[in-house]
Structure formats: C-alpha cells, structure tokens
Amino acid sequence: MMLLSSSSLYVIMALTASSEVMAFSPSSNRFGTTAGSNTALQMKENNNIQSALTAAVIAASVWASPFTLMNEQFHPSLSNNNNMAYAKEMASGSGSRVNKDPESLLRYGLPIPNDKEIRKLQSQLEETRNDINSKRKGPAMEGIKKSRTLLAKGNSKFASACREPAICSTILRTMDERLTPLDQSLQTSSNALNGSGQEQDALDNASKIQESILKDLTVLEQQLIPKGYATPVPSDYDDLPQLKGGRVTVEFTMKKPDGLPYVIDANKFPTAKMTMVIDGFTAPVTGGNFVDLVSKGFYNNMKISRSDGFVVQTGDPDGDAAGYVGKPSKSVGSGPKGERLIPNEIFVKGDKGPFYETTIEDEGRGGQATILPFSSYGAMGWAREEYDANSGSSQFFWLLFDSDLTPAGKNVLDGRYPCFGYIVEGADFLRDTKEDDIIISAKITDGAEFLIQPKKGASAPVAAEAAPVAAE
C-alpha cells in the first residue's frame, strides 16, 4: 500500500527550528519508515545539523514515534541564503504568510490572463472577510470603501474581458449592491454593546453578506478565463482520462463501521459529508483519473486505510492490487498487479503547463511555488511509492494541514506530490475519520462535462492560449 511516510512529516516539524529547507522523504508501504531508510536529512553546517536534530527529537517525543536521521544529498538549489529567501517568497500561500483558505487558493489557481486588477480586488475582499471574522470593524469598513473603489475602477475592464460580458456586468452590479448592507451591518455592530447578542447578530449577518460577495467573485473570475481554454497536456497521455477546461465538484459520504456517530465539537452526525473541488486546470491528468474512478463507483464502499494525525488516506482496494486495475497508459504502463498508473504531475507558478514523470527537485527547481499548494486542511494529494514518481494509481490522501508544522516558505510537499483539489465543505469531519471508516458514496455533483475519456486514435485537443498563472 502506497503511503505518505509519517517520518517524512516529522521533517516538516523539524523545519521550524532550522534556517535551511531539508529534503523530504516520500511515501512507502510501511508506517513511519521508507524502503531501506528513514527520513533523510543532511545539513550544510554543523550548527544546522544540531538545530535539526534538536527539532527532530522534539517532534519525535511529541508524536511518540521513532525518528532516525540518515544521510542524503542536500539539494544544491537550497544551499544558500539567497535561494532560501527566494523560496520563502515563492512558497505556498502568499509570500511569508500561509493562505489556508481552500476557496481563495482555488481562485488564485485560475488561469486568468492580465490578472493584476482582479487579484487586487480578490485580495481586498478576502482581507475584509478576515477583518469581519476577527471583529476588526474599523478596518473592515475601510475595506468596503476600498473594494467599492476597485470595483468601480475595474468594472469596464472586467466586463470586456469576460466570456459573457452581460453576465459579468450583472455580477459586478450585484457585488457593488451587496456592499451597502454589508456596511450597514458593520455599523450596527459597531454601535452595539461589545459582547452583546446584537453585536454578534450584526457580525454574523455581515459575514454572510461577505461570503456571498466572495462567491460572486469566484463566478466573475471563472468568466475571465479565455473561452475554450484547456491546460495543455502532452499527447503521450491522450490514452488517460483527463479534465479539460474546468473543475469538478465531488461529494463523499462516509460512515463508521460500528454505527457510531462522527463527533465534531461535541456535535454528533450519523454520517460525514465532504464536498471537494477537483481542479482540471492545475492537474488535468491526476484530476481526470480521480474523477473517472469516482464516476465508475470505484471508491464506493471503500475503507479508509490510514488516519494517523498527518493524513487520511484511501483508494487501496481489496485484493492483491494496490490500485485500480484497468487499461494501462502506453506512457507509464501498468503496476505489478495490473494497476493503471498515472504520471506524477506538477504545475509550477509561471509555467504554461504541468511537467510530468518527475518532481520539482529532480527538475532543479526546489523551493518554487506550485499553483495549488498543500497549505489548506484537507488538501488532496496523490499517493505513490517512494522511489517511483509514476507509481500512483488510485490511492490519495487528505492532508491534515497544520501551519505550526508547515510554516510559510517551508512546505516540502509542494512539487513532490500533485495537489489536485481541496475540501471546500465538511473538512472538519477529517478530525474524527478513522481507519476502517467506510466511504458509502462518492459522486460527481457538478462539472461532469469536463471529464474527457480517451478515444482511440484521437489527437489531443488544441488548447486556447492563456497567460501562465503568475507567482503571488
């Protein structure tokens, strides 16, 4: 069974005490170990070795698991302070701050050309949302003014760049109109007694209005993607299912084998329901493979195979095979038990498309940011064997992200494993998801039209041009 090594994630904890980015040991089929070695660390200077060892011991004691240091070549692109500063700015999230909001990350991942103005608007609206949630009423009201100015400034530009200008004009007008009741709710909250029910009711109403504005923003940004655009994929992978030109929404429903409820913050639920957005712009092959398996019912009645505080993992079917057995791709072939394999797929910010069958460090680009980062609780990654980048088949994991374990600028999962989507609703259920819990239903609820099945002898579609997604 392919696993993301827990000892690898101890490295993430050790990174918090080190000024260098260390090597990350990928998955294996044994918990806490790799095939022939444990987590590999090698530091450039003795004081860095001591620092890493100290952090590793702390991490091991916190998690009550063994931690062994072995030698491994340290990547040359990460061996000096200049590169480290660059890595920090290019890392997951936004510069030195971790962006943990899955819907924000999905918005930033949209392939919008000439996106400077829309990103300013997005940043301001999301900052206002954060101010509201933190009860910073003054900054939130100031943010409303700035948002209104940005909307007025970009109105004609946004509308003219849209696939359907009339739709965008309506969205822009609606967003502007929502700002008035939003401001009124914040004014009501400011005039109320601190800690009173009236204050909280007004803040709750403001939060709902702001979330509606952000949903409008998502639709607006999707309209700014050039009509007919699809992420370019090499023709080598035409014989694999792909997502072309959009995103797919998938819903999982799980239950516990003993019939007990899921308990989240003292609330009990008979089943766990999670909604995920699978990104065909960033991971057309990985996402296509996953959605294809969902459409086939592959994950129905499948058990959770791992839940250890680091990841929740599934996709390992009963029997000898470690993945989905099906017609293999000519490019990467099949596994030892006939598993359909897919290539490792990594999309770096600034590139025009993903690269395949390798990792970001193999490409000599360690520290650069991927379009979809592993910086959100419930980020979805594709599992594979440790030393074979192209051994993934059907197993995937949800990362139980913790910013204390993965600080900004030091996310060593990015570029090693493809992140192909996020949980956007119900991620809290992962907190009580255990091994042997059962996926009773996995279904597509939106975007099924973007799943393109391979057609024998068909050539790859020509993708419309769009600007690469720039680093934030």
Foldseek 3Di string as FASTA:
>chain_A
DFDFEPLQLLLLQLVVQALFFFAGFGTADDHQAADPGGGEGDADDPVRVVSSVVSSVVSCVVQVHDHDYDHDDGQPCGRDPVSLQVLLCQAADHRQAHDAAQVLLVLLLDQFFPCPLLVVLSVLLVVLLVCLVVVVLVSNLVSLVVNLVSLVVCVVVLLVLFPHSVVLNVLSVVLNVLSVLLNVLSVQLVPDDPPDPSNVVSSVVSNVSSVVNVVSSSVSSLRNRDPQFFQDDDQLCLQAKWFGDFKFKKKWKWAAPVQFFQAFPNDTDSIFIWIKIFDRRACGRVSLLQQVCQVVVVQAFWWFADQRPFKTKTAQDPDDDRHDADDERPVLAADPVRFHWAWFWFAFFQDSHTDTFDFCSVVVNPSHYTSRDLRYQQFKWFGAHRPGRTGTGGMIIGGRHDCSSNGRSRRNVHRSTDRGIGTNPRSSSSVRRHTGITGNHMHIDDDPVSIDHRDPPDGDDDGDDGGGSHRD
